[in-house]
Amino acid sequence: MRKSVTQEFEYGCGIACYAFALNISYKDAVAILGSKQATSTRFWIKDLTSALTSAGLGYAYRYVPPNHENLNCTENSIVLIRRSKTYPSGHYLIKHNGKWMDPWINLAESKNITQAKSGFRLELPGSAMYVIEPKPAER
């Protein structure tokens, strides 16, 4: 299994998922995306989808209605979970080998980015709001 990518900025979970999808380091992802995006408090769905596509990966996004039962995500899908008490701005995770790579898996305990650790979860830690998923290969 590949190594997880830890976010290095408070709002860097999207960047970490981008880095994981491209199999590059967080620092390389920041260099590609630019310091403005890296230090932003937002990583919009359209921006992340566009960045993945610009990097040569075909991705598309879809909205997931509240209380949706069957998420049915493919491998390498990136999910933005809804805002909650634990995740006041939402949180991005990426699916890999049937698990979810979480760029700040100890957020509930640490609350300090310098103590952030990444890892893999069996289930999403919240309700999905958007899914950014690889487009099927064209034939």
N, C-alpha and C. Protein backbone atom coordinates (compact mmCIF):
# COMPACT_ATOMS: atom_id res chain seq x y z
N MET A 1 0.84 -1.18 0.00
CA MET A 1 0.00 0.00 0.00
C MET A 1 0.89 1.25 0.00
N ARG A 2 0.47 2.26 -0.74
CA ARG A 2 1.21 3.51 -0.80
C ARG A 2 1.16 4.24 0.53
N LYS A 3 2.15 5.08 0.73
CA LYS A 3 2.22 5.88 1.95
C LYS A 3 1.22 7.03 1.86
N SER A 4 0.57 7.33 2.97
CA SER A 4 -0.37 8.44 3.02
C SER A 4 0.38 9.77 2.92
N VAL A 5 -0.35 10.84 2.58
CA VAL A 5 0.23 12.18 2.46
C VAL A 5 -0.40 13.06 3.54
N THR A 6 0.44 13.64 4.37
CA THR A 6 -0.03 14.51 5.46
C THR A 6 -0.11 15.95 4.97
N GLN A 7 -1.23 16.59 5.26
CA GLN A 7 -1.36 18.00 4.91
C GLN A 7 -0.46 18.84 5.80
N GLU A 8 0.09 19.91 5.25
CA GLU A 8 1.03 20.75 5.98
C GLU A 8 0.47 22.13 6.28
N PHE A 9 -0.71 22.42 5.77
CA PHE A 9 -1.40 23.67 6.05
C PHE A 9 -2.76 23.32 6.63
N GLU A 10 -3.31 24.22 7.41
CA GLU A 10 -4.59 23.95 8.07
C GLU A 10 -5.69 23.55 7.08
N TYR A 11 -5.72 24.19 5.91
CA TYR A 11 -6.72 23.87 4.90
C TYR A 11 -6.10 23.12 3.72
N GLY A 12 -5.11 22.29 3.98
CA GLY A 12 -4.36 21.62 2.93
C GLY A 12 -4.80 20.22 2.58
N CYS A 13 -5.98 19.79 3.01
CA CYS A 13 -6.41 18.42 2.73
C CYS A 13 -6.62 18.18 1.23
N GLY A 14 -7.12 19.18 0.51
CA GLY A 14 -7.29 19.04 -0.93
C GLY A 14 -5.96 18.89 -1.64
N ILE A 15 -4.97 19.65 -1.19
CA ILE A 15 -3.63 19.56 -1.77
C ILE A 15 -3.03 18.18 -1.50
N ALA A 16 -3.22 17.67 -0.30
CA ALA A 16 -2.71 16.34 0.04
C ALA A 16 -3.37 15.26 -0.82
N CYS A 17 -4.66 15.38 -1.07
CA CYS A 17 -5.35 14.41 -1.93
C CYS A 17 -4.87 14.54 -3.38
N TYR A 18 -4.64 15.76 -3.84
CA TYR A 18 -4.07 16.00 -5.16
C TYR A 18 -2.70 15.33 -5.26
N ALA A 19 -1.86 15.54 -4.26
CA ALA A 19 -0.52 14.93 -4.23
C ALA A 19 -0.63 13.40 -4.26
N PHE A 20 -1.55 12.85 -3.48
CA PHE A 20 -1.72 11.40 -3.43
C PHE A 20 -2.17 10.87 -4.79
N ALA A 21 -3.10 11.56 -5.43
CA ALA A 21 -3.62 11.13 -6.74
C ALA A 21 -2.51 11.10 -7.78
N LEU A 22 -1.58 12.06 -7.70
CA LEU A 22 -0.48 12.15 -8.65
C LEU A 22 0.75 11.36 -8.20
N ASN A 23 0.69 10.82 -6.99
CA ASN A 23 1.80 10.07 -6.41
C ASN A 23 3.07 10.93 -6.33
N ILE A 24 2.87 12.16 -5.81
CA ILE A 24 3.96 13.10 -5.62
C ILE A 24 3.94 13.57 -4.16
N SER A 25 4.97 14.28 -3.75
CA SER A 25 5.01 14.78 -2.38
C SER A 25 4.10 15.99 -2.22
N TYR A 26 3.78 16.29 -0.99
CA TYR A 26 2.96 17.47 -0.68
C TYR A 26 3.67 18.73 -1.17
N LYS A 27 4.98 18.81 -0.92
CA LYS A 27 5.76 19.98 -1.34
C LYS A 27 5.75 20.13 -2.87
N ASP A 28 5.84 19.04 -3.60
CA ASP A 28 5.77 19.11 -5.06
C ASP A 28 4.38 19.58 -5.51
N ALA A 29 3.34 19.14 -4.83
CA ALA A 29 1.99 19.57 -5.15
C ALA A 29 1.84 21.07 -4.94
N VAL A 30 2.39 21.58 -3.84
CA VAL A 30 2.35 23.01 -3.56
C VAL A 30 3.08 23.78 -4.66
N ALA A 31 4.22 23.26 -5.10
CA ALA A 31 4.99 23.92 -6.16
C ALA A 31 4.19 23.98 -7.46
N ILE A 32 3.46 22.93 -7.78
CA ILE A 32 2.65 22.89 -8.99
C ILE A 32 1.44 23.82 -8.88
N LEU A 33 0.75 23.76 -7.75
CA LEU A 33 -0.48 24.53 -7.57
C LEU A 33 -0.24 26.00 -7.28
N GLY A 34 0.92 26.32 -6.74
CA GLY A 34 1.25 27.70 -6.44
C GLY A 34 0.95 28.06 -4.99
N SER A 35 1.68 29.05 -4.48
CA SER A 35 1.55 29.42 -3.07
C SER A 35 0.19 30.03 -2.75
N LYS A 36 -0.44 30.70 -3.73
CA LYS A 36 -1.76 31.28 -3.47
C LYS A 36 -2.77 30.19 -3.12
N GLN A 37 -2.77 29.12 -3.91
CA GLN A 37 -3.69 28.01 -3.62
C GLN A 37 -3.27 27.27 -2.36
N ALA A 38 -1.98 27.11 -2.16
CA ALA A 38 -1.47 26.36 -1.02
C ALA A 38 -1.84 27.01 0.31
N THR A 39 -1.90 28.33 0.36
CA THR A 39 -2.20 29.01 1.61
C THR A 39 -3.66 29.48 1.69
N SER A 40 -4.46 29.13 0.70
CA SER A 40 -5.86 29.52 0.68
C SER A 40 -6.65 28.77 1.76
N THR A 41 -7.71 29.37 2.22
CA THR A 41 -8.59 28.70 3.18
C THR A 41 -9.66 27.89 2.47
N ARG A 42 -9.63 27.87 1.14
CA ARG A 42 -10.61 27.11 0.36
C ARG A 42 -9.90 26.38 -0.77
N PHE A 43 -10.39 25.23 -1.12
CA PHE A 43 -9.97 24.54 -2.33
C PHE A 43 -11.28 24.10 -2.98
N TRP A 44 -11.76 24.91 -3.89
CA TRP A 44 -13.06 24.67 -4.49
C TRP A 44 -13.05 23.40 -5.32
N ILE A 45 -14.17 22.77 -5.39
CA ILE A 45 -14.34 21.53 -6.15
C ILE A 45 -13.89 21.72 -7.60
N LYS A 46 -14.33 22.81 -8.22
CA LYS A 46 -13.97 23.06 -9.62
C LYS A 46 -12.46 23.24 -9.77
N ASP A 47 -11.83 23.95 -8.83
CA ASP A 47 -10.38 24.16 -8.89
C ASP A 47 -9.62 22.85 -8.79
N LEU A 48 -10.02 22.01 -7.85
CA LEU A 48 -9.34 20.73 -7.65
C LEU A 48 -9.54 19.83 -8.87
N THR A 49 -10.75 19.79 -9.39
CA THR A 49 -11.03 18.98 -10.58
C THR A 49 -10.20 19.47 -11.76
N SER A 50 -10.14 20.78 -11.94
CA SER A 50 -9.35 21.37 -13.02
C SER A 50 -7.86 21.08 -12.86
N ALA A 51 -7.36 21.16 -11.63
CA ALA A 51 -5.94 20.88 -11.37
C ALA A 51 -5.60 19.43 -11.69
N LEU A 52 -6.48 18.51 -11.33
CA LEU A 52 -6.25 17.10 -11.63
C LEU A 52 -6.26 16.85 -13.14
N THR A 53 -7.19 17.50 -13.83
CA THR A 53 -7.28 17.36 -15.28
C THR A 53 -6.06 17.97 -15.96
N SER A 54 -5.61 19.13 -15.48
CA SER A 54 -4.41 19.78 -16.03
C SER A 54 -3.16 18.92 -15.83
N ALA A 55 -3.17 18.09 -14.80
CA ALA A 55 -2.04 17.22 -14.52
C ALA A 55 -2.09 15.92 -15.34
N GLY A 56 -3.10 15.81 -16.20
CA GLY A 56 -3.19 14.64 -17.07
C GLY A 56 -4.14 13.56 -16.60
N LEU A 57 -4.82 13.82 -15.49
CA LEU A 57 -5.80 12.85 -14.98
C LEU A 57 -7.20 13.35 -15.34
N GLY A 58 -8.00 12.51 -15.91
CA GLY A 58 -9.37 12.90 -16.26
C GLY A 58 -10.30 12.72 -15.08
N TYR A 59 -10.78 13.82 -14.51
CA TYR A 59 -11.69 13.77 -13.37
C TYR A 59 -12.93 14.60 -13.64
N ALA A 60 -14.02 14.25 -13.00
CA ALA A 60 -15.26 15.02 -13.05
C ALA A 60 -15.85 15.00 -11.64
N TYR A 61 -16.64 16.02 -11.32
CA TYR A 61 -17.23 16.06 -9.98
C TYR A 61 -18.75 15.94 -10.05
N ARG A 62 -19.30 15.52 -8.93
CA ARG A 62 -20.76 15.44 -8.79
C ARG A 62 -21.15 15.78 -7.37
N TYR A 63 -22.30 16.39 -7.23
CA TYR A 63 -22.86 16.73 -5.93
C TYR A 63 -23.56 15.51 -5.36
N VAL A 64 -23.45 15.33 -4.05
CA VAL A 64 -24.13 14.22 -3.38
C VAL A 64 -25.18 14.84 -2.44
N PRO A 65 -26.46 14.55 -2.68
CA PRO A 65 -27.51 15.12 -1.83
C PRO A 65 -27.38 14.64 -0.38
N PRO A 66 -27.84 15.46 0.58
CA PRO A 66 -27.80 15.02 1.98
C PRO A 66 -28.55 13.69 2.17
N ASN A 67 -28.09 12.91 3.12
CA ASN A 67 -28.69 11.62 3.46
C ASN A 67 -28.70 10.62 2.30
N HIS A 68 -27.77 10.79 1.37
CA HIS A 68 -27.65 9.85 0.25
C HIS A 68 -27.11 8.53 0.80
N GLU A 69 -27.74 7.45 0.46
CA GLU A 69 -27.39 6.15 1.04
C GLU A 69 -26.20 5.47 0.38
N ASN A 70 -26.18 5.38 -0.95
CA ASN A 70 -25.16 4.60 -1.64
C ASN A 70 -24.21 5.53 -2.40
N LEU A 71 -23.04 5.77 -1.84
CA LEU A 71 -22.07 6.69 -2.43
C LEU A 71 -21.42 6.08 -3.68
N ASN A 72 -21.11 4.80 -3.63
CA ASN A 72 -20.58 4.06 -4.77
C ASN A 72 -19.41 4.76 -5.46
N CYS A 73 -18.33 4.97 -4.73
CA CYS A 73 -17.13 5.64 -5.25
C CYS A 73 -16.17 4.65 -5.87
N THR A 74 -15.57 5.04 -6.98
CA THR A 74 -14.54 4.22 -7.61
C THR A 74 -13.19 4.50 -6.96
N GLU A 75 -12.23 3.66 -7.28
CA GLU A 75 -10.86 3.84 -6.81
C GLU A 75 -10.33 5.20 -7.26
N ASN A 76 -9.59 5.87 -6.40
CA ASN A 76 -8.99 7.19 -6.63
C ASN A 76 -10.00 8.34 -6.64
N SER A 77 -11.22 8.08 -6.20
CA SER A 77 -12.19 9.16 -6.05
C SER A 77 -11.82 10.00 -4.83
N ILE A 78 -12.02 11.30 -4.96
CA ILE A 78 -11.79 12.23 -3.86
C ILE A 78 -13.14 12.71 -3.38
N VAL A 79 -13.35 12.66 -2.07
CA VAL A 79 -14.63 13.07 -1.50
C VAL A 79 -14.42 14.27 -0.58
N LEU A 80 -15.31 15.23 -0.71
CA LEU A 80 -15.38 16.34 0.24
C LEU A 80 -16.54 16.04 1.17
N ILE A 81 -16.23 15.82 2.45
CA ILE A 81 -17.32 15.57 3.39
C ILE A 81 -17.90 16.90 3.87
N ARG A 82 -19.14 16.84 4.29
CA ARG A 82 -19.86 18.03 4.74
C ARG A 82 -19.25 18.61 6.01
N ARG A 83 -19.51 19.87 6.21
CA ARG A 83 -19.06 20.54 7.43
C ARG A 83 -19.72 19.89 8.64
N SER A 84 -18.97 19.85 9.72
CA SER A 84 -19.48 19.27 10.96
C SER A 84 -18.73 19.91 12.13
N LYS A 85 -19.04 19.48 13.32
CA LYS A 85 -18.34 19.99 14.49
C LYS A 85 -16.85 19.65 14.41
N THR A 86 -16.54 18.43 14.01
CA THR A 86 -15.14 18.01 13.89
C THR A 86 -14.47 18.63 12.68
N TYR A 87 -15.21 18.80 11.59
CA TYR A 87 -14.68 19.35 10.34
C TYR A 87 -15.47 20.61 9.96
N PRO A 88 -15.19 21.74 10.62
CA PRO A 88 -15.98 22.95 10.39
C PRO A 88 -15.92 23.49 8.96
N SER A 89 -14.89 23.12 8.19
CA SER A 89 -14.77 23.56 6.79
C SER A 89 -14.97 22.41 5.83
N GLY A 90 -15.37 21.24 6.32
CA GLY A 90 -15.41 20.04 5.50
C GLY A 90 -14.01 19.43 5.49
N HIS A 91 -13.83 18.38 4.70
CA HIS A 91 -12.54 17.69 4.67
C HIS A 91 -12.48 16.80 3.44
N TYR A 92 -11.34 16.79 2.75
CA TYR A 92 -11.12 15.93 1.59
C TYR A 92 -10.41 14.64 1.99
N LEU A 93 -10.84 13.54 1.39
CA LEU A 93 -10.19 12.24 1.53
C LEU A 93 -10.18 11.59 0.15
N ILE A 94 -9.25 10.67 -0.09
CA ILE A 94 -9.17 9.99 -1.39
C ILE A 94 -9.21 8.48 -1.17
N LYS A 95 -9.95 7.80 -2.03
CA LYS A 95 -10.11 6.34 -1.91
C LYS A 95 -8.93 5.63 -2.56
N HIS A 96 -8.37 4.68 -1.82
CA HIS A 96 -7.24 3.89 -2.31
C HIS A 96 -7.30 2.49 -1.72
N ASN A 97 -7.31 1.50 -2.59
CA ASN A 97 -7.39 0.09 -2.17
C ASN A 97 -8.54 -0.17 -1.20
N GLY A 98 -9.69 0.43 -1.49
CA GLY A 98 -10.88 0.19 -0.68
C GLY A 98 -10.91 0.93 0.65
N LYS A 99 -9.89 1.76 0.91
CA LYS A 99 -9.84 2.55 2.14
C LYS A 99 -9.80 4.02 1.77
N TRP A 100 -9.88 4.86 2.78
CA TRP A 100 -9.86 6.31 2.57
C TRP A 100 -8.58 6.89 3.16
N MET A 101 -7.75 7.50 2.28
CA MET A 101 -6.55 8.18 2.76
C MET A 101 -7.00 9.51 3.34
N ASP A 102 -6.70 9.70 4.62
CA ASP A 102 -7.09 10.91 5.35
C ASP A 102 -5.83 11.71 5.64
N PRO A 103 -5.71 12.92 5.06
CA PRO A 103 -4.50 13.72 5.22
C PRO A 103 -4.28 14.29 6.63
N TRP A 104 -5.30 14.25 7.48
CA TRP A 104 -5.17 14.71 8.87
C TRP A 104 -6.06 13.80 9.70
N ILE A 105 -5.61 12.57 9.86
CA ILE A 105 -6.44 11.54 10.48
C ILE A 105 -6.66 11.78 11.97
N ASN A 106 -5.75 12.52 12.61
CA ASN A 106 -5.86 12.76 14.05
C ASN A 106 -6.39 14.17 14.36
N LEU A 107 -7.14 14.76 13.44
CA LEU A 107 -7.67 16.11 13.62
C LEU A 107 -8.49 16.25 14.90
N ALA A 108 -9.33 15.30 15.19
CA ALA A 108 -10.19 15.39 16.38
C ALA A 108 -9.38 15.47 17.67
N GLU A 109 -8.19 14.86 17.68
CA GLU A 109 -7.36 14.87 18.89
C GLU A 109 -6.35 16.02 18.92
N SER A 110 -5.82 16.40 17.75
CA SER A 110 -4.68 17.33 17.73
C SER A 110 -5.07 18.80 17.63
N LYS A 111 -5.91 19.18 16.68
CA LYS A 111 -6.32 20.57 16.44
C LYS A 111 -5.15 21.49 16.14
N ASN A 112 -3.95 20.97 15.96
CA ASN A 112 -2.77 21.77 15.65
C ASN A 112 -2.07 21.14 14.46
N ILE A 113 -1.93 21.89 13.37
CA ILE A 113 -1.38 21.35 12.13
C ILE A 113 0.03 20.78 12.31
N THR A 114 0.79 21.29 13.26
CA THR A 114 2.14 20.77 13.47
C THR A 114 2.12 19.35 14.02
N GLN A 115 0.99 18.92 14.54
CA GLN A 115 0.85 17.56 15.07
C GLN A 115 0.06 16.65 14.12
N ALA A 116 -0.25 17.15 12.94
CA ALA A 116 -1.07 16.38 11.99
C ALA A 116 -0.37 15.10 11.56
N LYS A 117 -1.16 14.04 11.46
CA LYS A 117 -0.71 12.75 10.95
C LYS A 117 -1.73 12.30 9.92
N SER A 118 -1.27 11.57 8.93
CA SER A 118 -2.17 11.03 7.92
C SER A 118 -2.25 9.51 8.09
N GLY A 119 -3.22 8.92 7.43
CA GLY A 119 -3.39 7.48 7.51
C GLY A 119 -4.58 7.04 6.68
N PHE A 120 -4.99 5.80 6.88
CA PHE A 120 -6.08 5.23 6.10
C PHE A 120 -7.24 4.83 7.02
N ARG A 121 -8.45 5.11 6.58
CA ARG A 121 -9.68 4.77 7.30
C ARG A 121 -10.47 3.75 6.48
N LEU A 122 -11.25 2.95 7.16
CA LEU A 122 -12.13 2.02 6.46
C LEU A 122 -13.38 2.73 5.94
N GLU A 123 -13.82 3.76 6.66
CA GLU A 123 -15.04 4.48 6.28
C GLU A 123 -14.79 5.98 6.32
N LEU A 124 -15.61 6.72 5.59
CA LEU A 124 -15.53 8.17 5.65
C LEU A 124 -15.93 8.64 7.04
N PRO A 125 -15.27 9.68 7.56
CA PRO A 125 -15.60 10.18 8.90
C PRO A 125 -16.76 11.17 8.91
N GLY A 126 -17.51 11.22 7.83
CA GLY A 126 -18.64 12.13 7.74
C GLY A 126 -19.44 11.84 6.49
N SER A 127 -20.38 12.71 6.22
CA SER A 127 -21.28 12.57 5.08
C SER A 127 -20.70 13.27 3.85
N ALA A 128 -20.65 12.57 2.74
CA ALA A 128 -20.10 13.14 1.50
C ALA A 128 -21.00 14.25 0.96
N MET A 129 -20.35 15.33 0.48
CA MET A 129 -21.08 16.42 -0.16
C MET A 129 -20.77 16.47 -1.66
N TYR A 130 -19.51 16.21 -2.02
CA TYR A 130 -19.08 16.14 -3.41
C TYR A 130 -18.16 14.96 -3.60
N VAL A 131 -18.20 14.39 -4.80
CA VAL A 131 -17.26 13.34 -5.19
C VAL A 131 -16.59 13.82 -6.46
N ILE A 132 -15.27 13.78 -6.45
CA ILE A 132 -14.48 14.06 -7.65
C ILE A 132 -13.90 12.72 -8.06
N GLU A 133 -14.36 12.21 -9.20
CA GLU A 133 -13.99 10.85 -9.56
C GLU A 133 -13.35 10.76 -10.94
N PRO A 134 -12.47 9.76 -11.09
CA PRO A 134 -11.83 9.58 -12.38
C PRO A 134 -12.87 9.28 -13.45
N LYS A 135 -12.70 9.90 -14.62
CA LYS A 135 -13.59 9.60 -15.74
C LYS A 135 -13.20 8.25 -16.31
N PRO A 136 -14.17 7.46 -16.75
CA PRO A 136 -13.84 6.18 -17.38
C PRO A 136 -12.98 6.42 -18.63
N ALA A 137 -12.08 5.51 -18.90
CA ALA A 137 -11.23 5.62 -20.09
C ALA A 137 -12.08 5.55 -21.34
N GLU A 138 -11.77 6.42 -22.31
CA GLU A 138 -12.52 6.41 -23.57
C GLU A 138 -12.04 5.26 -24.44
N ARG A 139 -12.95 4.71 -25.18
CA ARG A 139 -12.61 3.58 -26.06
C ARG A 139 -12.57 4.02 -27.49
